Amino acid sequence: MALFKKRAAGKPGEWYYCLVHQKVEEGPECPAKDRFGPYASREEAQHAMDTAQERNQEWENDPRWHDAAARGEDDDR
């Protein structure tokens, strides 16, 4: 008996963005390592890369991530 069941099909209404195929999928078609999601709607999944870019930009500009430089410490520990 297998310890983990492989889910053959996703649930209707779960939307994912596949990073390999660069397309929106309803229910996971590709492995988890290759996708973002789940999203509540197709439209949210279509904007997954924009959302990721916006969040990366916010984190890059967040002073809490750069507090070592402000104290004069080396970030490359």
PDB file of N, CA and C in Angstrom:
ATOM      1  N   MET A   1       0.844  -1.183   0.000  1.00  0.00           N
ATOM      2  CA  MET A   1       0.000   0.000   0.000  1.00  0.00           C
ATOM      3  C   MET A   1       0.886   1.243   0.000  1.00  0.00           C
ATOM      4  N   ALA A   2       0.585   2.174  -0.864  1.00  0.00           N
ATOM      5  CA  ALA A   2       1.362   3.413  -0.960  1.00  0.00           C
ATOM      6  C   ALA A   2       1.051   4.326   0.220  1.00  0.00           C
ATOM      7  N   LEU A   3       2.082   4.988   0.686  1.00  0.00           N
ATOM      8  CA  LEU A   3       1.898   5.928   1.793  1.00  0.00           C
ATOM      9  C   LEU A   3       1.228   7.218   1.332  1.00  0.00           C
ATOM     10  N   PHE A   4       1.545   7.615   0.130  1.00  0.00           N
ATOM     11  CA  PHE A   4       1.000   8.861  -0.399  1.00  0.00           C
ATOM     12  C   PHE A   4       0.229   8.569  -1.671  1.00  0.00           C
ATOM     13  N   LYS A   5      -0.963   9.082  -1.740  1.00  0.00           N
ATOM     14  CA  LYS A   5      -1.765   8.914  -2.950  1.00  0.00           C
ATOM     15  C   LYS A   5      -1.450  10.050  -3.906  1.00  0.00           C
ATOM     16  N   LYS A   6      -1.283   9.717  -5.148  1.00  0.00           N
ATOM     17  CA  LYS A   6      -1.084  10.743  -6.166  1.00  0.00           C
ATOM     18  C   LYS A   6      -2.453  11.198  -6.632  1.00  0.00           C
ATOM     19  N   ARG A   7      -2.709  12.487  -6.509  1.00  0.00           N
ATOM     20  CA  ARG A   7      -3.993  13.022  -6.937  1.00  0.00           C
ATOM     21  C   ARG A   7      -4.008  13.102  -8.447  1.00  0.00           C
ATOM     22  N   ALA A   8      -4.879  12.359  -9.065  1.00  0.00           N
ATOM     23  CA  ALA A   8      -4.905  12.275 -10.524  1.00  0.00           C
ATOM     24  C   ALA A   8      -5.446  13.545 -11.161  1.00  0.00           C
ATOM     25  N   ALA A   9      -6.425  14.148 -10.548  1.00  0.00           N
ATOM     26  CA  ALA A   9      -7.027  15.335 -11.134  1.00  0.00           C
ATOM     27  C   ALA A   9      -7.266  16.365 -10.039  1.00  0.00           C
ATOM     28  N   GLY A  10      -7.184  17.615 -10.426  1.00  0.00           N
ATOM     29  CA  GLY A  10      -7.425  18.688  -9.467  1.00  0.00           C
ATOM     30  C   GLY A  10      -8.903  18.907  -9.238  1.00  0.00           C
ATOM     31  N   LYS A  11      -9.170  19.735  -8.282  1.00  0.00           N
ATOM     32  CA  LYS A  11     -10.552  20.071  -7.982  1.00  0.00           C
ATOM     33  C   LYS A  11     -11.022  21.163  -8.935  1.00  0.00           C
ATOM     34  N   PRO A  12     -12.225  21.074  -9.438  1.00  0.00           N
ATOM     35  CA  PRO A  12     -12.756  22.163 -10.251  1.00  0.00           C
ATOM     36  C   PRO A  12     -12.764  23.449  -9.425  1.00  0.00           C
ATOM     37  N   GLY A  13     -12.359  24.515 -10.048  1.00  0.00           N
ATOM     38  CA  GLY A  13     -12.329  25.796  -9.361  1.00  0.00           C
ATOM     39  C   GLY A  13     -10.984  26.128  -8.746  1.00  0.00           C
ATOM     40  N   GLU A  14     -10.032  25.195  -8.746  1.00  0.00           N
ATOM     41  CA  GLU A  14      -8.659  25.480  -8.326  1.00  0.00           C
ATOM     42  C   GLU A  14      -7.860  25.823  -9.570  1.00  0.00           C
ATOM     43  N   TRP A  15      -7.241  26.975  -9.558  1.00  0.00           N
ATOM     44  CA  TRP A  15      -6.497  27.435 -10.723  1.00  0.00           C
ATOM     45  C   TRP A  15      -5.016  27.544 -10.386  1.00  0.00           C
ATOM     46  N   TYR A  16      -4.177  27.169 -11.328  1.00  0.00           N
ATOM     47  CA  TYR A  16      -2.731  27.167 -11.163  1.00  0.00           C
ATOM     48  C   TYR A  16      -2.092  27.817 -12.383  1.00  0.00           C
ATOM     49  N   TYR A  17      -0.864  28.307 -12.172  1.00  0.00           N
ATOM     50  CA  TYR A  17      -0.076  28.803 -13.298  1.00  0.00           C
ATOM     51  C   TYR A  17       1.142  27.901 -13.425  1.00  0.00           C
ATOM     52  N   CYS A  18       1.289  27.228 -14.571  1.00  0.00           N
ATOM     53  CA  CYS A  18       2.410  26.333 -14.828  1.00  0.00           C
ATOM     54  C   CYS A  18       3.599  27.149 -15.319  1.00  0.00           C
ATOM     55  N   LEU A  19       4.714  27.055 -14.603  1.00  0.00           N
ATOM     56  CA  LEU A  19       5.920  27.797 -14.955  1.00  0.00           C
ATOM     57  C   LEU A  19       6.626  27.207 -16.167  1.00  0.00           C
ATOM     58  N   VAL A  20       6.480  25.909 -16.389  1.00  0.00           N
ATOM     59  CA  VAL A  20       7.127  25.248 -17.519  1.00  0.00           C
ATOM     60  C   VAL A  20       6.405  25.572 -18.822  1.00  0.00           C
ATOM     61  N   HIS A  21       5.093  25.402 -18.822  1.00  0.00           N
ATOM     62  CA  HIS A  21       4.303  25.603 -20.036  1.00  0.00           C
ATOM     63  C   HIS A  21       3.790  27.038 -20.179  1.00  0.00           C
ATOM     64  N   GLN A  22       3.965  27.831 -19.126  1.00  0.00           N
ATOM     65  CA  GLN A  22       3.523  29.227 -19.094  1.00  0.00           C
ATOM     66  C   GLN A  22       2.055  29.348 -19.486  1.00  0.00           C
ATOM     67  N   LYS A  23       1.238  28.566 -18.772  1.00  0.00           N
ATOM     68  CA  LYS A  23      -0.196  28.602 -19.041  1.00  0.00           C
ATOM     69  C   LYS A  23      -0.976  28.364 -17.758  1.00  0.00           C
ATOM     70  N   VAL A  24      -2.225  28.749 -17.782  1.00  0.00           N
ATOM     71  CA  VAL A  24      -3.135  28.556 -16.661  1.00  0.00           C
ATOM     72  C   VAL A  24      -3.760  27.171 -16.773  1.00  0.00           C
ATOM     73  N   GLU A  25      -3.868  26.483 -15.628  1.00  0.00           N
ATOM     74  CA  GLU A  25      -4.461  25.146 -15.586  1.00  0.00           C
ATOM     75  C   GLU A  25      -5.560  25.124 -14.534  1.00  0.00           C
ATOM     76  N   GLU A  26      -6.653  24.465 -14.837  1.00  0.00           N
ATOM     77  CA  GLU A  26      -7.673  24.239 -13.821  1.00  0.00           C
ATOM     78  C   GLU A  26      -7.378  22.890 -13.190  1.00  0.00           C
ATOM     79  N   GLY A  27      -7.119  22.925 -11.903  1.00  0.00           N
ATOM     80  CA  GLY A  27      -6.653  21.708 -11.243  1.00  0.00           C
ATOM     81  C   GLY A  27      -5.205  21.493 -11.627  1.00  0.00           C
ATOM     82  N   PRO A  28      -4.414  20.925 -10.747  1.00  0.00           N
ATOM     83  CA  PRO A  28      -2.998  20.771 -11.085  1.00  0.00           C
ATOM     84  C   PRO A  28      -2.783  19.711 -12.157  1.00  0.00           C
ATOM     85  N   GLU A  29      -2.210  20.132 -13.256  1.00  0.00           N
ATOM     86  CA  GLU A  29      -1.851  19.196 -14.316  1.00  0.00           C
ATOM     87  C   GLU A  29      -0.358  18.873 -14.238  1.00  0.00           C
ATOM     88  N   CYS A  30       0.424  19.837 -13.785  1.00  0.00           N
ATOM     89  CA  CYS A  30       1.879  19.680 -13.718  1.00  0.00           C
ATOM     90  C   CYS A  30       2.313  19.500 -12.264  1.00  0.00           C
ATOM     91  N   PRO A  31       3.526  19.000 -12.040  1.00  0.00           N
ATOM     92  CA  PRO A  31       4.012  18.800 -10.670  1.00  0.00           C
ATOM     93  C   PRO A  31       4.060  20.113  -9.875  1.00  0.00           C
ATOM     94  N   ALA A  32       3.947  19.997  -8.572  1.00  0.00           N
ATOM     95  CA  ALA A  32       3.923  21.172  -7.701  1.00  0.00           C
ATOM     96  C   ALA A  32       5.170  22.028  -7.856  1.00  0.00           C
ATOM     97  N   LYS A  33       6.316  21.426  -8.136  1.00  0.00           N
ATOM     98  CA  LYS A  33       7.551  22.197  -8.274  1.00  0.00           C
ATOM     99  C   LYS A  33       7.523  23.113  -9.496  1.00  0.00           C
ATOM    100  N   ASP A  34       6.602  22.885 -10.407  1.00  0.00           N
ATOM    101  CA  ASP A  34       6.540  23.648 -11.650  1.00  0.00           C
ATOM    102  C   ASP A  34       5.355  24.592 -11.730  1.00  0.00           C
ATOM    103  N   ARG A  35       4.699  24.877 -10.588  1.00  0.00           N
ATOM    104  CA  ARG A  35       3.501  25.710 -10.682  1.00  0.00           C
ATOM    105  C   ARG A  35       3.324  26.615  -9.470  1.00  0.00           C
ATOM    106  N   PHE A  36       2.577  27.683  -9.685  1.00  0.00           N
ATOM    107  CA  PHE A  36       2.123  28.572  -8.625  1.00  0.00           C
ATOM    108  C   PHE A  36       0.649  28.296  -8.418  1.00  0.00           C
ATOM    109  N   GLY A  37       0.176  28.417  -7.178  1.00  0.00           N
ATOM    110  CA  GLY A  37      -1.240  28.272  -6.920  1.00  0.00           C
ATOM    111  C   GLY A  37      -1.489  27.403  -5.715  1.00  0.00           C
ATOM    112  N   PRO A  38      -2.718  27.158  -5.394  1.00  0.00           N
ATOM    113  CA  PRO A  38      -3.919  27.445  -6.183  1.00  0.00           C
ATOM    114  C   PRO A  38      -4.393  28.886  -6.020  1.00  0.00           C
ATOM    115  N   TYR A  39      -5.078  29.336  -7.028  1.00  0.00           N
ATOM    116  CA  TYR A  39      -5.709  30.653  -7.052  1.00  0.00           C
ATOM    117  C   TYR A  39      -7.218  30.462  -7.076  1.00  0.00           C
ATOM    118  N   ALA A  40      -7.930  31.456  -6.620  1.00  0.00           N
ATOM    119  CA  ALA A  40      -9.389  31.376  -6.532  1.00  0.00           C
ATOM    120  C   ALA A  40     -10.062  31.517  -7.887  1.00  0.00           C
ATOM    121  N   SER A  41      -9.384  32.166  -8.836  1.00  0.00           N
ATOM    122  CA  SER A  41     -10.007  32.375 -10.148  1.00  0.00           C
ATOM    123  C   SER A  41      -8.964  32.242 -11.255  1.00  0.00           C
ATOM    124  N   ARG A  42      -9.463  32.055 -12.453  1.00  0.00           N
ATOM    125  CA  ARG A  42      -8.598  31.975 -13.639  1.00  0.00           C
ATOM    126  C   ARG A  42      -7.833  33.281 -13.814  1.00  0.00           C
ATOM    127  N   GLU A  43      -8.502  34.404 -13.564  1.00  0.00           N
ATOM    128  CA  GLU A  43      -7.878  35.715 -13.739  1.00  0.00           C
ATOM    129  C   GLU A  43      -6.691  35.893 -12.793  1.00  0.00           C
ATOM    130  N   GLU A  44      -6.849  35.443 -11.534  1.00  0.00           N
ATOM    131  CA  GLU A  44      -5.733  35.528 -10.583  1.00  0.00           C
ATOM    132  C   GLU A  44      -4.554  34.695 -11.079  1.00  0.00           C
ATOM    133  N   ALA A  45      -4.829  33.502 -11.567  1.00  0.00           N
ATOM    134  CA  ALA A  45      -3.764  32.629 -12.058  1.00  0.00           C
ATOM    135  C   ALA A  45      -3.081  33.235 -13.280  1.00  0.00           C
ATOM    136  N   GLN A  46      -3.835  33.925 -14.129  1.00  0.00           N
ATOM    137  CA  GLN A  46      -3.253  34.550 -15.310  1.00  0.00           C
ATOM    138  C   GLN A  46      -2.252  35.640 -14.938  1.00  0.00           C
ATOM    139  N   HIS A  47      -2.422  36.230 -13.769  1.00  0.00           N
ATOM    140  CA  HIS A  47      -1.544  37.307 -13.324  1.00  0.00           C
ATOM    141  C   HIS A  47      -0.523  36.830 -12.298  1.00  0.00           C
ATOM    142  N   ALA A  48      -0.286  35.522 -12.232  1.00  0.00           N
ATOM    143  CA  ALA A  48       0.618  34.952 -11.228  1.00  0.00           C
ATOM    144  C   ALA A  48       2.024  35.529 -11.334  1.00  0.00           C
ATOM    145  N   MET A  49       2.544  35.664 -12.524  1.00  0.00           N
ATOM    146  CA  MET A  49       3.905  36.181 -12.686  1.00  0.00           C
ATOM    147  C   MET A  49       3.974  37.661 -12.300  1.00  0.00           C
ATOM    148  N   ASP A  50       2.937  38.428 -12.621  1.00  0.00           N
ATOM    149  CA  ASP A  50       2.892  39.838 -12.215  1.00  0.00           C
ATOM    150  C   ASP A  50       2.856  39.954 -10.698  1.00  0.00           C
ATOM    151  N   THR A  51       2.040  39.114 -10.069  1.00  0.00           N
ATOM    152  CA  THR A  51       1.938  39.116  -8.610  1.00  0.00           C
ATOM    153  C   THR A  51       3.280  38.763  -7.982  1.00  0.00           C
ATOM    154  N   ALA A  52       3.951  37.755  -8.511  1.00  0.00           N
ATOM    155  CA  ALA A  52       5.261  37.348  -7.986  1.00  0.00           C
ATOM    156  C   ALA A  52       6.282  38.467  -8.148  1.00  0.00           C
ATOM    157  N   GLN A  53       6.266  39.129  -9.293  1.00  0.00           N
ATOM    158  CA  GLN A  53       7.204  40.234  -9.533  1.00  0.00           C
ATOM    159  C   GLN A  53       6.942  41.397  -8.572  1.00  0.00           C
ATOM    160  N   GLU A  54       5.674  41.720  -8.342  1.00  0.00           N
ATOM    161  CA  GLU A  54       5.325  42.790  -7.404  1.00  0.00           C
ATOM    162  C   GLU A  54       5.780  42.449  -5.990  1.00  0.00           C
ATOM    163  N   ARG A  55       5.557  41.224  -5.572  1.00  0.00           N
ATOM    164  CA  ARG A  55       5.969  40.806  -4.222  1.00  0.00           C
ATOM    165  C   ARG A  55       7.482  40.805  -4.090  1.00  0.00           C
ATOM    166  N   ASN A  56       8.186  40.342  -5.114  1.00  0.00           N
ATOM    167  CA  ASN A  56       9.652  40.367  -5.070  1.00  0.00           C
ATOM    168  C   ASN A  56      10.163  41.799  -4.945  1.00  0.00           C
ATOM    169  N   GLN A  57       9.548  42.715  -5.667  1.00  0.00           N
ATOM    170  CA  GLN A  57       9.942  44.120  -5.610  1.00  0.00           C
ATOM    171  C   GLN A  57       9.682  44.691  -4.215  1.00  0.00           C
ATOM    172  N   GLU A  58       8.534  44.358  -3.627  1.00  0.00           N
ATOM    173  CA  GLU A  58       8.223  44.820  -2.266  1.00  0.00           C
ATOM    174  C   GLU A  58       9.255  44.294  -1.275  1.00  0.00           C
ATOM    175  N   TRP A  59       9.604  43.018  -1.380  1.00  0.00           N
ATOM    176  CA  TRP A  59      10.585  42.428  -0.464  1.00  0.00           C
ATOM    177  C   TRP A  59      11.964  43.042  -0.676  1.00  0.00           C
ATOM    178  N   GLU A  60      12.331  43.306  -1.914  1.00  0.00           N
ATOM    179  CA  GLU A  60      13.631  43.901  -2.216  1.00  0.00           C
ATOM    180  C   GLU A  60      13.757  45.292  -1.608  1.00  0.00           C
ATOM    181  N   ASN A  61      12.648  46.003  -1.541  1.00  0.00           N
ATOM    182  CA  ASN A  61      12.656  47.366  -1.008  1.00  0.00           C
ATOM    183  C   ASN A  61      12.273  47.442   0.465  1.00  0.00           C
ATOM    184  N   ASP A  62      12.048  46.314   1.096  1.00  0.00           N
ATOM    185  CA  ASP A  62      11.680  46.283   2.507  1.00  0.00           C
ATOM    186  C   ASP A  62      12.930  46.478   3.358  1.00  0.00           C
ATOM    187  N   PRO A  63      12.986  47.534   4.154  1.00  0.00           N
ATOM    188  CA  PRO A  63      14.194  47.793   4.941  1.00  0.00           C
ATOM    189  C   PRO A  63      14.509  46.688   5.955  1.00  0.00           C
ATOM    190  N   ARG A  64      13.532  45.911   6.346  1.00  0.00           N
ATOM    191  CA  ARG A  64      13.796  44.818   7.285  1.00  0.00           C
ATOM    192  C   ARG A  64      14.711  43.751   6.685  1.00  0.00           C
ATOM    193  N   TRP A  65      14.718  43.626   5.351  1.00  0.00           N
ATOM    194  CA  TRP A  65      15.588  42.640   4.707  1.00  0.00           C
ATOM    195  C   TRP A  65      17.004  43.175   4.544  1.00  0.00           C
ATOM    196  N   HIS A  66      17.183  44.463   4.739  1.00  0.00           N
ATOM    197  CA  HIS A  66      18.499  45.078   4.531  1.00  0.00           C
ATOM    198  C   HIS A  66      19.019  45.716   5.803  1.00  0.00           C
ATOM    199  N   ASP A  67      18.584  45.244   6.956  1.00  0.00           N
ATOM    200  CA  ASP A  67      18.985  45.864   8.214  1.00  0.00           C
ATOM    201  C   ASP A  67      20.461  45.633   8.539  1.00  0.00           C
ATOM    202  N   ALA A  68      21.088  44.577   8.049  1.00  0.00           N
ATOM    203  CA  ALA A  68      22.501  44.333   8.314  1.00  0.00           C
ATOM    204  C   ALA A  68      23.359  45.424   7.679  1.00  0.00           C
ATOM    205  N   ALA A  69      23.011  45.847   6.470  1.00  0.00           N
ATOM    206  CA  ALA A  69      23.761  46.906   5.793  1.00  0.00           C
ATOM    207  C   ALA A  69      23.617  48.224   6.546  1.00  0.00           C
ATOM    208  N   ALA A  70      22.462  48.479   7.106  1.00  0.00           N
ATOM    209  CA  ALA A  70      22.236  49.713   7.851  1.00  0.00           C
ATOM    210  C   ALA A  70      23.081  49.751   9.123  1.00  0.00           C
ATOM    211  N   ARG A  71      23.388  48.583   9.681  1.00  0.00           N
ATOM    212  CA  ARG A  71      24.211  48.519  10.895  1.00  0.00           C
ATOM    213  C   ARG A  71      25.690  48.456  10.559  1.00  0.00           C
ATOM    214  N   GLY A  72      26.016  48.415   9.261  1.00  0.00           N
ATOM    215  CA  GLY A  72      27.403  48.338   8.866  1.00  0.00           C
ATOM    216  C   GLY A  72      27.971  46.931   8.851  1.00  0.00           C
ATOM    217  N   GLU A  73      27.116  45.931   8.894  1.00  0.00           N
ATOM    218  CA  GLU A  73      27.547  44.547   8.862  1.00  0.00           C
ATOM    219  C   GLU A  73      27.609  44.058   7.428  1.00  0.00           C
ATOM    220  N   ASP A  74      28.365  43.011   7.214  1.00  0.00           N
ATOM    221  CA  ASP A  74      28.508  42.412   5.895  1.00  0.00           C
ATOM    222  C   ASP A  74      27.345  41.459   5.652  1.00  0.00           C
ATOM    223  N   ASP A  75      26.628  41.610   4.495  1.00  0.00           N
ATOM    224  CA  ASP A  75      25.495  40.750   4.166  1.00  0.00           C
ATOM    225  C   ASP A  75      25.927  39.369   3.692  1.00  0.00           C
ATOM    226  N   ASP A  76      27.197  39.205   3.312  1.00  0.00           N
ATOM    227  CA  ASP A  76      27.676  37.940   2.730  1.00  0.00           C
ATOM    228  C   ASP A  76      28.275  37.010   3.782  1.00  0.00           C
ATOM    229  N   ARG A  77      27.569  36.801   4.858  1.00  0.00           N
ATOM    230  CA  ARG A  77      28.100  35.907   5.899  1.00  0.00           C
ATOM    231  C   ARG A  77      28.022  34.484   5.489  1.00  0.00           C
TER     232      ARG A  77
END
